[in-house]
């Protein structure tokens, strides 16, 4: 799922991976391409700390870990926040 939210001049893209192995990187790449076509310069992508497949996919697509914050979905869990520059 790709969700776009416009906070000021930056888009927030939250990529939720529930994908078969091997397809996640291609699908994230297509989502990033779509953002680029919409003149988005940076994407913020999040993944649950325990979802190793998701954060490895994000890192493989150029994601740089900014920080980990408390999850809004799972009490006591953390969410990893990554930025990807699209320019």
Foldseek 3Di string as FASTA:
>chain_A
DWDWDDDDPATETEDDDPDDPPCLLVVVVVVLVVCVVVVHFKYKYKDWPPPVVVVVSCVVNPWDWDDWDQDPVDPPTIMTITMHGSD
